[in-house]
PDB file of all heavy atoms in Angstrom:
ATOM      1  N   ASP A   1     104.527 124.522  83.216  1.00  0.00           N
ATOM      2  CA  ASP A   1     103.898 123.206  83.305  1.00  0.00           C
ATOM      3  C   ASP A   1     102.833 123.019  82.219  1.00  0.00           C
ATOM      4  O   ASP A   1     102.625 121.906  81.729  1.00  0.00           O
ATOM      5  CB  ASP A   1     103.275 123.004  84.690  1.00  0.00           C
ATOM      6  CG  ASP A   1     104.318 122.751  85.770  1.00  0.00           C
ATOM      7  OD1 ASP A   1     105.418 122.261  85.420  1.00  0.00           O
ATOM      8  OD2 ASP A   1     104.049 123.045  86.947  1.00  0.00           O
ATOM      9  N   ASP A   2     102.189 124.105  81.845  1.00  0.00           N
ATOM     10  CA  ASP A   2     101.219 124.021  80.749  1.00  0.00           C
ATOM     11  C   ASP A   2     101.911 123.674  79.433  1.00  0.00           C
ATOM     12  O   ASP A   2     101.370 122.917  78.613  1.00  0.00           O
ATOM     13  CB  ASP A   2     100.472 125.349  80.600  1.00  0.00           C
ATOM     14  CG  ASP A   2      99.522 125.614  81.764  1.00  0.00           C
ATOM     15  OD1 ASP A   2      99.332 124.698  82.589  1.00  0.00           O
ATOM     16  OD2 ASP A   2      98.985 126.721  81.845  1.00  0.00           O
ATOM     17  N   ILE A   3     103.099 124.237  79.234  1.00  0.00           N
ATOM     18  CA  ILE A   3     103.858 123.944  78.012  1.00  0.00           C
ATOM     19  C   ILE A   3     104.297 122.479  78.021  1.00  0.00           C
ATOM     20  O   ILE A   3     104.257 121.799  76.990  1.00  0.00           O
ATOM     21  CB  ILE A   3     105.069 124.874  77.881  1.00  0.00           C
ATOM     22  CG1 ILE A   3     104.618 126.335  77.803  1.00  0.00           C
ATOM     23  CG2 ILE A   3     105.894 124.504  76.661  1.00  0.00           C
ATOM     24  CD1 ILE A   3     103.662 126.625  76.662  1.00  0.00           C
ATOM     25  N   LEU A   4     104.713 121.984  79.186  1.00  0.00           N
ATOM     26  CA  LEU A   4     105.077 120.570  79.296  1.00  0.00           C
ATOM     27  C   LEU A   4     103.879 119.691  78.936  1.00  0.00           C
ATOM     28  O   LEU A   4     104.015 118.682  78.230  1.00  0.00           O
ATOM     29  CB  LEU A   4     105.572 120.258  80.709  1.00  0.00           C
ATOM     30  CG  LEU A   4     106.991 120.724  81.049  1.00  0.00           C
ATOM     31  CD1 LEU A   4     107.245 120.587  82.547  1.00  0.00           C
ATOM     32  CD2 LEU A   4     108.028 119.931  80.267  1.00  0.00           C
ATOM     33  N   ALA A   5     102.718 120.076  79.421  1.00  0.00           N
ATOM     34  CA  ALA A   5     101.509 119.314  79.102  1.00  0.00           C
ATOM     35  C   ALA A   5     101.234 119.369  77.604  1.00  0.00           C
ATOM     36  O   ALA A   5     100.822 118.362  77.002  1.00  0.00           O
ATOM     37  CB  ALA A   5     100.323 119.874  79.886  1.00  0.00           C
ATOM     38  N   GLU A   6     101.466 120.522  77.009  1.00  0.00           N
ATOM     39  CA  GLU A   6     101.274 120.675  75.564  1.00  0.00           C
ATOM     40  C   GLU A   6     102.200 119.740  74.798  1.00  0.00           C
ATOM     41  O   GLU A   6     101.861 119.229  73.728  1.00  0.00           O
ATOM     42  CB  GLU A   6     101.558 122.126  75.163  1.00  0.00           C
ATOM     43  CG  GLU A   6     101.265 122.467  73.724  1.00  0.00           C
ATOM     44  CD  GLU A   6      99.766 122.518  73.431  1.00  0.00           C
ATOM     45  OE1 GLU A   6      99.007 123.102  74.235  1.00  0.00           O
ATOM     46  OE2 GLU A   6      99.379 121.958  72.392  1.00  0.00           O
ATOM     47  N   MET A   7     103.380 119.487  75.374  1.00  0.00           N
ATOM     48  CA  MET A   7     104.366 118.600  74.752  1.00  0.00           C
ATOM     49  C   MET A   7     104.138 117.140  75.112  1.00  0.00           C
ATOM     50  O   MET A   7     104.864 116.269  74.632  1.00  0.00           O
ATOM     51  CB  MET A   7     105.774 119.024  75.174  1.00  0.00           C
ATOM     52  CG  MET A   7     106.174 120.430  74.759  1.00  0.00           C
ATOM     53  SD  MET A   7     107.728 120.972  75.514  1.00  0.00           S
ATOM     54  CE  MET A   7     108.881 119.844  74.734  1.00  0.00           C
ATOM     55  N   GLY A   8     103.183 116.877  76.007  1.00  0.00           N
ATOM     56  CA  GLY A   8     102.930 115.511  76.437  1.00  0.00           C
ATOM     57  C   GLY A   8     103.942 115.002  77.440  1.00  0.00           C
ATOM     58  O   GLY A   8     104.180 113.801  77.542  1.00  0.00           O
ATOM     59  N   VAL A   9     104.540 115.941  78.197  1.00  0.00           N
ATOM     60  CA  VAL A   9     105.562 115.579  79.183  1.00  0.00           C
ATOM     61  C   VAL A   9     105.013 115.804  80.587  1.00  0.00           C
ATOM     62  O   VAL A   9     104.501 116.888  80.903  1.00  0.00           O
ATOM     63  CB  VAL A   9     106.844 116.426  78.990  1.00  0.00           C
ATOM     64  CG1 VAL A   9     107.861 116.099  80.076  1.00  0.00           C
ATOM     65  CG2 VAL A   9     107.433 116.179  77.606  1.00  0.00           C
ATOM     66  N   ALA A  10     105.114 114.793  81.430  1.00  0.00           N
ATOM     67  CA  ALA A  10     104.682 114.910  82.821  1.00  0.00           C
ATOM     68  C   ALA A  10     105.868 115.369  83.666  1.00  0.00           C
ATOM     69  O   ALA A  10     106.929 114.738  83.644  1.00  0.00           O
ATOM     70  CB  ALA A  10     104.166 113.571  83.337  1.00  0.00           C
ATOM     71  N   PRO A  11     105.760 116.480  84.403  1.00  0.00           N
ATOM     72  CA  PRO A  11     106.872 116.969  85.231  1.00  0.00           C
ATOM     73  C   PRO A  11     107.324 115.913  86.237  1.00  0.00           C
ATOM     74  O   PRO A  11     106.498 115.217  86.828  1.00  0.00           O
ATOM     75  CB  PRO A  11     106.273 118.192  85.941  1.00  0.00           C
ATOM     76  CG  PRO A  11     105.132 118.610  85.073  1.00  0.00           C
ATOM     77  CD  PRO A  11     104.579 117.333  84.509  1.00  0.00           C
ATOM     78  N   THR A  12     108.629 115.793  86.400  1.00  0.00           N
ATOM     79  CA  THR A  12     109.177 114.847  87.370  1.00  0.00           C
ATOM     80  C   THR A  12     109.605 115.534  88.653  1.00  0.00           C
ATOM     81  O   THR A  12     110.108 114.907  89.570  1.00  0.00           O
ATOM     82  CB  THR A  12     110.389 114.115  86.775  1.00  0.00           C
ATOM     83  OG1 THR A  12     111.381 115.077  86.388  1.00  0.00           O
ATOM     84  CG2 THR A  12     109.982 113.307  85.548  1.00  0.00           C
ATOM     85  N   ALA A  13     109.438 116.873  88.692  1.00  0.00           N
ATOM     86  CA  ALA A  13     109.815 117.641  89.872  1.00  0.00           C
ATOM     87  C   ALA A  13     108.818 118.780  90.046  1.00  0.00           C
ATOM     88  O   ALA A  13     108.187 119.218  89.092  1.00  0.00           O
ATOM     89  CB  ALA A  13     111.228 118.187  89.742  1.00  0.00           C
ATOM     90  N   THR A  14     108.686 119.250  91.294  1.00  0.00           N
ATOM     91  CA  THR A  14     107.804 120.374  91.565  1.00  0.00           C
ATOM     92  C   THR A  14     108.553 121.666  91.320  1.00  0.00           C
ATOM     93  O   THR A  14     109.636 121.874  91.863  1.00  0.00           O
ATOM     94  CB  THR A  14     107.316 120.332  93.029  1.00  0.00           C
ATOM     95  OG1 THR A  14     106.638 119.103  93.251  1.00  0.00           O
ATOM     96  CG2 THR A  14     106.387 121.503  93.309  1.00  0.00           C
ATOM     97  N   LYS A  15     107.982 122.531  90.509  1.00  0.00           N
ATOM     98  CA  LYS A  15     108.655 123.782  90.173  1.00  0.00           C
ATOM     99  C   LYS A  15     108.473 124.807  91.271  1.00  0.00           C
ATOM    100  O   LYS A  15     107.373 125.010  91.782  1.00  0.00           O
ATOM    101  CB  LYS A  15     108.106 124.350  88.859  1.00  0.00           C
ATOM    102  CG  LYS A  15     108.908 125.544  88.365  1.00  0.00           C
ATOM    103  CD  LYS A  15     108.428 125.983  87.003  1.00  0.00           C
ATOM    104  CE  LYS A  15     109.379 127.000  86.395  1.00  0.00           C
ATOM    105  NZ  LYS A  15     109.637 128.128  87.281  1.00  0.00           N
ATOM    106  N   ASP A  16     109.584 125.463  91.636  1.00  0.00           N
ATOM    107  CA  ASP A  16     109.532 126.541  92.612  1.00  0.00           C
ATOM    108  C   ASP A  16     109.207 127.834  91.868  1.00  0.00           C
ATOM    109  O   ASP A  16     110.062 128.415  91.212  1.00  0.00           O
ATOM    110  CB  ASP A  16     110.882 126.662  93.334  1.00  0.00           C
ATOM    111  CG  ASP A  16     110.896 127.808  94.342  1.00  0.00           C
ATOM    112  OD1 ASP A  16     109.822 128.390  94.570  1.00  0.00           O
ATOM    113  OD2 ASP A  16     111.981 128.114  94.872  1.00  0.00           O
ATOM    114  N   LYS A  17     107.984 128.278  91.950  1.00  0.00           N
ATOM    115  CA  LYS A  17     107.565 129.477  91.227  1.00  0.00           C
ATOM    116  C   LYS A  17     107.802 130.759  92.020  1.00  0.00           C
ATOM    117  O   LYS A  17     107.494 131.844  91.547  1.00  0.00           O
ATOM    118  CB  LYS A  17     106.081 129.377  90.869  1.00  0.00           C
ATOM    119  CG  LYS A  17     105.773 128.235  89.896  1.00  0.00           C
ATOM    120  CD  LYS A  17     104.329 128.267  89.449  1.00  0.00           C
ATOM    121  CE  LYS A  17     104.052 127.156  88.437  1.00  0.00           C
ATOM    122  NZ  LYS A  17     102.668 127.208  87.922  1.00  0.00           N
ATOM    123  N   SER A  18     108.370 130.629  93.213  1.00  0.00           N
ATOM    124  CA  SER A  18     108.560 131.811  94.045  1.00  0.00           C
ATOM    125  C   SER A  18     109.913 132.464  93.838  1.00  0.00           C
ATOM    126  O   SER A  18     110.133 133.580  94.256  1.00  0.00           O
ATOM    127  CB  SER A  18     108.437 131.429  95.524  1.00  0.00           C
ATOM    128  OG  SER A  18     109.482 130.535  95.897  1.00  0.00           O
ATOM    129  N   ARG A  19     110.846 131.779  93.189  1.00  0.00           N
ATOM    130  CA  ARG A  19     112.183 132.340  93.036  1.00  0.00           C
ATOM    131  C   ARG A  19     112.126 133.560  92.130  1.00  0.00           C
ATOM    132  O   ARG A  19     111.391 133.609  91.161  1.00  0.00           O
ATOM    133  CB  ARG A  19     113.159 131.299  92.477  1.00  0.00           C
ATOM    134  CG  ARG A  19     112.772 130.740  91.123  1.00  0.00           C
ATOM    135  CD  ARG A  19     113.770 129.692  90.711  1.00  0.00           C
ATOM    136  NE  ARG A  19     113.443 129.175  89.380  1.00  0.00           N
ATOM    137  CZ  ARG A  19     114.278 128.504  88.630  1.00  0.00           C
ATOM    138  NH1 ARG A  19     115.488 128.260  89.067  1.00  0.00           N
ATOM    139  NH2 ARG A  19     113.918 128.070  87.444  1.00  0.00           N
ATOM    140  N   SER A  20     112.939 134.560  92.442  1.00  0.00           N
ATOM    141  CA  SER A  20     112.890 135.813  91.699  1.00  0.00           C
ATOM    142  C   SER A  20     113.933 135.883  90.605  1.00  0.00           C
ATOM    143  O   SER A  20     113.894 136.761  89.767  1.00  0.00           O
ATOM    144  CB  SER A  20     113.100 136.994  92.652  1.00  0.00           C
ATOM    145  OG  SER A  20     114.361 136.879  93.292  1.00  0.00           O
ATOM    146  N   ARG A  21     114.869 134.964  90.610  1.00  0.00           N
ATOM    147  CA  ARG A  21     115.925 135.022  89.598  1.00  0.00           C
ATOM    148  C   ARG A  21     116.249 133.621  89.125  1.00  0.00           C
ATOM    149  O   ARG A  21     116.348 132.691  89.909  1.00  0.00           O
ATOM    150  CB  ARG A  21     117.199 135.680  90.170  1.00  0.00           C
ATOM    151  CG  ARG A  21     118.267 135.914  89.117  1.00  0.00           C
ATOM    152  CD  ARG A  21     119.453 136.657  89.732  1.00  0.00           C
ATOM    153  NE  ARG A  21     120.454 136.966  88.728  1.00  0.00           N
ATOM    154  CZ  ARG A  21     121.393 136.108  88.345  1.00  0.00           C
ATOM    155  NH1 ARG A  21     121.447 134.911  88.877  1.00  0.00           N
ATOM    156  NH2 ARG A  21     122.284 136.448  87.423  1.00  0.00           N
ATOM    157  N   THR A  22     116.441 133.466  87.830  1.00  0.00           N
ATOM    158  CA  THR A  22     116.726 132.167  87.248  1.00  0.00           C
ATOM    159  C   THR A  22     118.226 131.999  87.053  1.00  0.00           C
ATOM    160  O   THR A  22     118.864 132.863  86.445  1.00  0.00           O
ATOM    161  CB  THR A  22     116.038 132.016  85.878  1.00  0.00           C
ATOM    162  OG1 THR A  22     114.639 132.188  86.067  1.00  0.00           O
ATOM    163  CG2 THR A  22     116.303 130.643  85.284  1.00  0.00           C
ATOM    164  N   PRO A  23     118.837 130.920  87.548  1.00  0.00           N
ATOM    165  CA  PRO A  23     120.265 130.710  87.326  1.00  0.00           C
ATOM    166  C   PRO A  23     120.552 130.396  85.873  1.00  0.00           C
ATOM    167  O   PRO A  23     119.650 130.133  85.088  1.00  0.00           O
ATOM    168  CB  PRO A  23     120.573 129.498  88.220  1.00  0.00           C
ATOM    169  CG  PRO A  23     119.269 128.782  88.326  1.00  0.00           C
ATOM    170  CD  PRO A  23     118.217 129.849  88.326  1.00  0.00           C
ATOM    171  N   ALA A  24     121.836 130.419  85.519  1.00  0.00           N
ATOM    172  CA  ALA A  24     122.222 130.151  84.138  1.00  0.00           C
ATOM    173  C   ALA A  24     121.875 128.723  83.755  1.00  0.00           C
ATOM    174  O   ALA A  24     121.753 127.842  84.614  1.00  0.00           O
ATOM    175  CB  ALA A  24     123.724 130.382  83.977  1.00  0.00           C
ATOM    176  N   LEU A  25     121.709 128.499  82.460  1.00  0.00           N
ATOM    177  CA  LEU A  25     121.430 127.155  81.968  1.00  0.00           C
ATOM    178  C   LEU A  25     122.561 126.219  82.343  1.00  0.00           C
ATOM    179  O   LEU A  25     123.720 126.645  82.455  1.00  0.00           O
ATOM    180  CB  LEU A  25     121.264 127.174  80.447  1.00  0.00           C
ATOM    181  CG  LEU A  25     119.952 127.789  79.934  1.00  0.00           C
ATOM    182  CD1 LEU A  25     120.032 127.952  78.434  1.00  0.00           C
ATOM    183  CD2 LEU A  25     118.769 126.914  80.299  1.00  0.00           C
ATOM    184  N   PRO A  26     122.269 124.923  82.538  1.00  0.00           N
ATOM    185  CA  PRO A  26     123.321 123.973  82.887  1.00  0.00           C
ATOM    186  C   PRO A  26     124.442 123.994  81.861  1.00  0.00           C
ATOM    187  O   PRO A  26     124.199 124.039  80.664  1.00  0.00           O
ATOM    188  CB  PRO A  26     122.571 122.624  82.863  1.00  0.00           C
ATOM    189  CG  PRO A  26     121.150 122.973  83.060  1.00  0.00           C
ATOM    190  CD  PRO A  26     120.947 124.305  82.422  1.00  0.00           C
ATOM    191  N   LYS A  27     125.676 123.957  82.327  1.00  0.00           N
ATOM    192  CA  LYS A  27     126.820 123.970  81.431  1.00  0.00           C
ATOM    193  C   LYS A  27     127.471 122.598  81.395  1.00  0.00           C
ATOM    194  O   LYS A  27     127.407 121.836  82.348  1.00  0.00           O
ATOM    195  CB  LYS A  27     127.857 125.015  81.889  1.00  0.00           C
ATOM    196  CG  LYS A  27     127.322 126.444  81.813  1.00  0.00           C
ATOM    197  CD  LYS A  27     128.394 127.431  82.208  1.00  0.00           C
ATOM    198  CE  LYS A  27     127.887 128.864  82.104  1.00  0.00           C
ATOM    199  NZ  LYS A  27     128.920 129.836  82.501  1.00  0.00           N
ATOM    200  N   VAL A  28     128.103 122.329  80.286  1.00  0.00           N
ATOM    201  CA  VAL A  28     128.796 121.058  80.146  1.00  0.00           C
ATOM    202  C   VAL A  28     129.993 121.038  81.074  1.00  0.00           C
ATOM    203  O   VAL A  28     130.753 122.000  81.160  1.00  0.00           O
ATOM    204  CB  VAL A  28     129.276 120.873  78.687  1.00  0.00           C
ATOM    205  CG1 VAL A  28     130.112 119.614  78.566  1.00  0.00           C
ATOM    206  CG2 VAL A  28     128.084 120.803  77.755  1.00  0.00           C
TER     207      VAL A  28
END
């Protein structure tokens, strides 16, 4: 969220910081 702020972007969703594993990037 700090990086988003650095970019001037306001988050549109609340980030779940408790998850232990990140899924793969969205695929086409």
